[in-house]
Amino acid sequence: MGFFQQLLLKETFNPGPLGLVINPFYIARRGLYKEMARLAPQLSGRLLDVGCGTKPYKHLFSGTDTYIGLEIDTTLNREKKDVDVFYDGKRFPFDNHSFDAILCNQVLEHVFNPDEFLQQINRVLKPGGKAIITVPFAWDEHEQPYDYARYSSFGLKSLLEKMGFEMIEQRKSVADLRVLTVLFNGYLYKKTVKYRFLRIFTTICIMFPNNVIGSLIGMITPSNEDLYLDNIVLIRKVKDL
């Protein structure tokens, strides 16, 4: 991967000052990254990244012994060099109790059969093993047509407890008026993404200032735990299914 590709990847998932300018979703990505970084030290041992993509958060889990990336077997995913193992969309190709920890980041909303999916996570996770799962709450439809669900904090907790997990910690990212600035940028991005020069103009002249305004708004306005962007949960396996 070249320098500019690495820079773009960083500014997409862990945006710094440059991301404030070029990343329409700076606030969302920054909020998610901070919560992931805070919980990452809780995972150790042999870790499975379910729906790993480009493994953008691998560096956060330096305390793990082994880091394995899993993706569903599709033509598009076969082109991803960071994937270690592919599966058929039904059963993870690992033995029971194979992993000490699991990461599942922004994947569950793309799963049409969440019970079966979480049963596989339960199956390959050792008793007492921990997992970090993130899933959007207030977000537009994306990766269509494979976008099937949104989860409230209560719905996610209920689903995970039903599938043999207990909630250790539950966080909500960007739980304040910044939500509105992110959704506005999302609208502009969707309307301009196909038009290169219009997208560049809109990003620099509208979405960048909106990122700045949103960041300032987040500092001076009270939080609202009922409207937020993402759920981030740390869970522990308490029983086999």
Protein backbone atom coordinates (compact mmCIF):
# COMPACT_ATOMS: atom_id res chain seq x y z
CA MET A 1 0.00 0.00 0.00
CA GLY A 2 1.44 3.37 -1.04
CA PHE A 3 1.93 6.38 1.20
CA PHE A 4 -1.14 8.26 -0.01
CA GLN A 5 -3.32 5.16 0.29
CA GLN A 6 -2.12 4.68 3.85
CA LEU A 7 -2.78 8.34 4.63
CA LEU A 8 -6.28 8.14 3.16
CA LEU A 9 -7.02 4.98 5.13
CA LYS A 10 -5.85 6.62 8.36
CA GLU A 11 -7.86 9.78 7.76
CA THR A 12 -10.93 7.66 7.02
CA PHE A 13 -10.95 5.56 10.21
CA ASN A 14 -8.71 7.52 12.59
CA PRO A 15 -8.96 11.09 11.31
CA GLY A 16 -6.60 13.73 12.61
CA PRO A 17 -6.40 17.43 11.67
CA LEU A 18 -6.28 16.60 7.95
CA GLY A 19 -9.40 14.49 8.33
CA LEU A 20 -11.23 17.54 9.61
CA VAL A 21 -10.75 18.99 6.11
CA ILE A 22 -11.11 15.99 3.79
CA ASN A 23 -13.33 13.54 5.66
CA PRO A 24 -17.05 14.41 5.56
CA PHE A 25 -17.59 11.92 8.39
CA TYR A 26 -14.77 13.20 10.58
CA ILE A 27 -16.95 13.61 13.68
CA ALA A 28 -18.52 10.17 13.34
CA ARG A 29 -15.23 8.37 12.70
CA ARG A 30 -13.42 10.23 15.45
CA GLY A 31 -16.16 9.46 17.96
CA LEU A 32 -16.16 5.76 17.09
CA TYR A 33 -12.36 5.56 17.17
CA LYS A 34 -12.14 7.09 20.64
CA GLU A 35 -14.58 4.56 22.08
CA MET A 36 -12.81 1.66 20.36
CA ALA A 37 -9.43 2.83 21.66
CA ARG A 38 -10.77 3.08 25.19
CA LEU A 39 -12.15 -0.47 25.20
CA ALA A 40 -9.40 -2.17 23.15
CA PRO A 41 -7.15 -3.02 26.17
CA GLN A 42 -9.98 -5.24 27.46
CA LEU A 43 -9.32 -7.78 24.69
CA SER A 44 -6.33 -10.11 24.84
CA GLY A 45 -5.13 -13.48 23.62
CA ARG A 46 -6.25 -14.87 20.26
CA LEU A 47 -8.58 -12.38 18.55
CA LEU A 48 -10.97 -12.82 15.61
CA ASP A 49 -11.97 -9.69 13.67
CA VAL A 50 -15.34 -10.58 12.13
CA GLY A 51 -15.95 -8.55 8.96
CA CYS A 52 -12.40 -7.23 9.15
CA GLY A 53 -12.28 -5.27 5.88
CA THR A 54 -8.87 -3.58 5.82
CA LYS A 55 -8.31 -4.16 9.56
CA PRO A 56 -8.32 -0.40 10.28
CA TYR A 57 -8.30 -0.90 14.06
CA LYS A 58 -5.74 -3.70 14.32
CA HIS A 59 -3.12 -1.37 15.81
CA LEU A 60 -5.38 -0.74 18.81
CA PHE A 61 -5.15 -4.39 19.84
CA SER A 62 -1.42 -4.71 20.35
CA GLY A 63 -2.08 -6.68 23.53
CA THR A 64 -3.44 -9.66 21.60
CA ASP A 65 -1.29 -12.68 20.71
CA THR A 66 -2.89 -13.43 17.34
CA TYR A 67 -5.11 -11.25 15.13
CA ILE A 68 -7.16 -13.08 12.48
CA GLY A 69 -9.41 -11.28 9.98
CA LEU A 70 -12.58 -13.03 8.77
CA GLU A 71 -14.80 -12.01 5.84
CA ILE A 72 -17.72 -13.50 3.98
CA ASP A 73 -16.62 -15.11 0.72
CA THR A 74 -17.55 -12.73 -2.12
CA THR A 75 -15.76 -11.62 -5.27
CA LEU A 76 -15.25 -8.13 -3.81
CA ASN A 77 -13.88 -9.42 -0.52
CA ARG A 78 -11.50 -11.78 -2.33
CA GLU A 79 -9.70 -8.66 -3.56
CA LYS A 80 -8.98 -7.51 0.02
CA LYS A 81 -5.41 -8.36 0.94
CA ASP A 82 -5.95 -8.03 4.69
CA VAL A 83 -8.42 -10.92 4.97
CA ASP A 84 -6.97 -14.09 6.49
CA VAL A 85 -9.96 -16.43 6.31
CA PHE A 86 -13.22 -16.50 4.32
CA TYR A 87 -16.51 -18.13 5.29
CA ASP A 88 -19.71 -19.09 3.50
CA GLY A 89 -22.00 -16.64 5.29
CA LYS A 90 -23.35 -19.31 7.63
CA ARG A 91 -20.68 -21.09 9.67
CA PHE A 92 -17.33 -19.68 10.77
CA PRO A 93 -14.59 -22.16 9.72
CA PHE A 94 -13.18 -22.58 13.24
CA ASP A 95 -13.60 -25.10 16.04
CA ASN A 96 -15.65 -24.36 19.13
CA HIS A 97 -13.91 -22.15 21.71
CA SER A 98 -11.12 -21.16 19.28
CA PHE A 99 -10.75 -17.51 20.36
CA ASP A 100 -10.21 -15.51 23.53
CA ALA A 101 -11.66 -12.32 22.04
CA ILE A 102 -13.74 -11.09 19.13
CA LEU A 103 -14.10 -7.75 17.39
CA CYS A 104 -17.16 -7.07 15.24
CA ASN A 105 -17.14 -3.49 14.03
CA GLN A 106 -20.08 -2.00 12.07
CA VAL A 107 -21.11 -5.40 10.68
CA LEU A 108 -24.25 -6.49 12.53
CA GLU A 109 -26.51 -4.07 10.63
CA HIS A 110 -25.54 -5.91 7.42
CA VAL A 111 -26.57 -9.32 8.79
CA PHE A 112 -30.06 -10.49 7.84
CA ASN A 113 -30.00 -13.38 10.33
CA PRO A 114 -28.52 -11.86 13.53
CA ASP A 115 -29.39 -14.83 15.77
CA GLU A 116 -27.46 -17.27 13.58
CA PHE A 117 -24.58 -14.82 13.21
CA LEU A 118 -24.26 -14.20 16.95
CA GLN A 119 -24.55 -17.94 17.60
CA GLN A 120 -21.39 -18.38 15.54
CA ILE A 121 -19.63 -15.69 17.55
CA ASN A 122 -20.76 -17.44 20.73
CA ARG A 123 -19.61 -20.83 19.43
CA VAL A 124 -16.02 -19.86 18.54
CA LEU A 125 -15.53 -17.68 21.64
CA LYS A 126 -14.14 -19.35 24.76
CA PRO A 127 -16.26 -19.36 27.95
CA GLY A 128 -15.64 -16.05 29.68
CA GLY A 129 -14.18 -14.57 26.49
CA LYS A 130 -14.85 -10.94 25.68
CA ALA A 131 -16.00 -9.17 22.53
CA ILE A 132 -16.37 -5.60 21.31
CA ILE A 133 -19.32 -5.01 19.01
CA THR A 134 -20.22 -1.71 17.37
CA VAL A 135 -23.33 -0.96 15.37
CA PRO A 136 -24.92 2.27 14.10
CA PHE A 137 -28.09 3.80 15.49
CA ALA A 138 -28.64 7.11 13.65
CA TRP A 139 -27.18 6.61 10.18
CA ASP A 140 -28.36 6.57 6.58
CA GLU A 141 -28.70 3.40 4.53
CA HIS A 142 -25.31 2.32 3.22
CA GLU A 143 -23.74 -0.55 1.28
CA GLN A 144 -27.14 -1.09 -0.29
CA PRO A 145 -28.88 -3.45 -0.63
CA TYR A 146 -27.08 -5.17 2.25
CA ASP A 147 -28.25 -2.85 5.01
CA TYR A 148 -30.89 -4.58 7.10
CA ALA A 149 -31.20 -3.09 10.58
CA ARG A 150 -30.61 -0.37 13.14
CA TYR A 151 -30.33 -1.17 16.84
CA SER A 152 -31.32 0.91 19.84
CA SER A 153 -29.26 0.40 22.98
CA PHE A 154 -32.11 -1.61 24.49
CA GLY A 155 -32.63 -3.79 21.43
CA LEU A 156 -28.92 -4.56 21.17
CA LYS A 157 -28.66 -5.45 24.87
CA SER A 158 -31.70 -7.74 24.66
CA LEU A 159 -30.38 -9.49 21.54
CA LEU A 160 -26.92 -10.10 23.00
CA GLU A 161 -28.25 -11.40 26.32
CA LYS A 162 -30.53 -13.80 24.45
CA MET A 163 -27.48 -15.13 22.59
CA GLY A 164 -25.48 -16.00 25.70
CA PHE A 165 -23.63 -12.79 26.51
CA GLU A 166 -23.64 -10.35 29.39
CA MET A 167 -23.13 -6.64 28.97
CA ILE A 168 -19.98 -5.32 30.66
CA GLU A 169 -20.08 -1.81 29.27
CA GLN A 170 -22.31 0.04 26.80
CA ARG A 171 -21.34 3.36 25.22
CA LYS A 172 -22.96 5.76 22.76
CA SER A 173 -20.79 7.84 20.43
CA VAL A 174 -21.55 11.45 19.41
CA ALA A 175 -24.57 11.71 21.72
CA ASP A 176 -25.19 15.43 21.24
CA LEU A 177 -26.08 18.03 18.60
CA ARG A 178 -23.13 16.93 16.48
CA VAL A 179 -25.43 14.19 15.20
CA LEU A 180 -27.22 16.80 13.08
CA THR A 181 -23.99 18.07 11.51
CA VAL A 182 -22.92 14.51 10.64
CA LEU A 183 -26.28 13.70 9.04
CA PHE A 184 -26.12 16.93 7.05
CA ASN A 185 -22.68 16.01 5.74
CA GLY A 186 -23.97 12.55 4.92
CA TYR A 187 -26.75 14.05 2.84
CA LEU A 188 -24.33 16.28 0.92
CA TYR A 189 -21.90 13.41 0.38
CA LYS A 190 -24.58 11.15 -1.10
CA LYS A 191 -25.72 13.91 -3.46
CA THR A 192 -22.24 14.84 -4.70
CA VAL A 193 -20.20 11.62 -4.58
CA LYS A 194 -20.74 10.88 -8.29
CA TYR A 195 -19.53 14.33 -9.39
CA ARG A 196 -15.82 14.66 -8.63
CA PHE A 197 -15.34 18.43 -8.81
CA LEU A 198 -18.65 19.19 -7.12
CA ARG A 199 -17.72 16.73 -4.37
CA ILE A 200 -14.33 18.38 -3.84
CA PHE A 201 -15.89 21.85 -3.80
CA THR A 202 -18.62 20.78 -1.39
CA THR A 203 -16.17 18.97 0.88
CA ILE A 204 -13.85 21.97 1.25
CA CYS A 205 -16.39 24.79 1.20
CA ILE A 206 -19.31 23.26 3.11
CA MET A 207 -18.51 19.98 4.82
CA PHE A 208 -15.16 21.10 6.26
CA PRO A 209 -16.69 24.21 7.89
CA ASN A 210 -19.55 22.01 9.07
CA ASN A 211 -17.03 19.66 10.73
CA VAL A 212 -15.52 22.64 12.55
CA ILE A 213 -18.90 24.00 13.62
CA GLY A 214 -20.03 20.56 14.73
CA SER A 215 -16.87 20.05 16.79
CA LEU A 216 -17.43 23.38 18.54
CA ILE A 217 -21.10 22.59 19.12
CA GLY A 218 -20.09 19.34 20.81
CA MET A 219 -18.00 21.29 23.32
CA ILE A 220 -20.68 23.75 24.41
CA THR A 221 -23.99 21.87 24.21
CA PRO A 222 -25.30 19.21 26.63
CA SER A 223 -25.36 15.56 25.67
CA ASN A 224 -28.50 13.70 24.67
CA GLU A 225 -28.21 9.97 25.30
CA ASP A 226 -31.39 9.32 23.31
CA LEU A 227 -29.97 10.51 19.96
CA TYR A 228 -26.51 9.33 18.97
CA LEU A 229 -24.58 7.78 16.10
CA ASP A 230 -23.21 4.42 17.23
CA ASN A 231 -23.54 1.78 19.92
CA ILE A 232 -20.23 0.43 21.25
CA VAL A 233 -20.49 -2.50 23.64
CA LEU A 234 -18.09 -4.69 25.58
CA ILE A 235 -19.61 -8.09 26.32
CA ARG A 236 -18.59 -11.38 27.95
CA LYS A 237 -19.72 -14.87 27.00
CA VAL A 238 -21.55 -16.45 29.93
CA LYS A 239 -22.96 -19.61 28.34
CA ASP A 240 -22.80 -21.83 25.29
CA LEU A 241 -25.90 -22.08 23.13
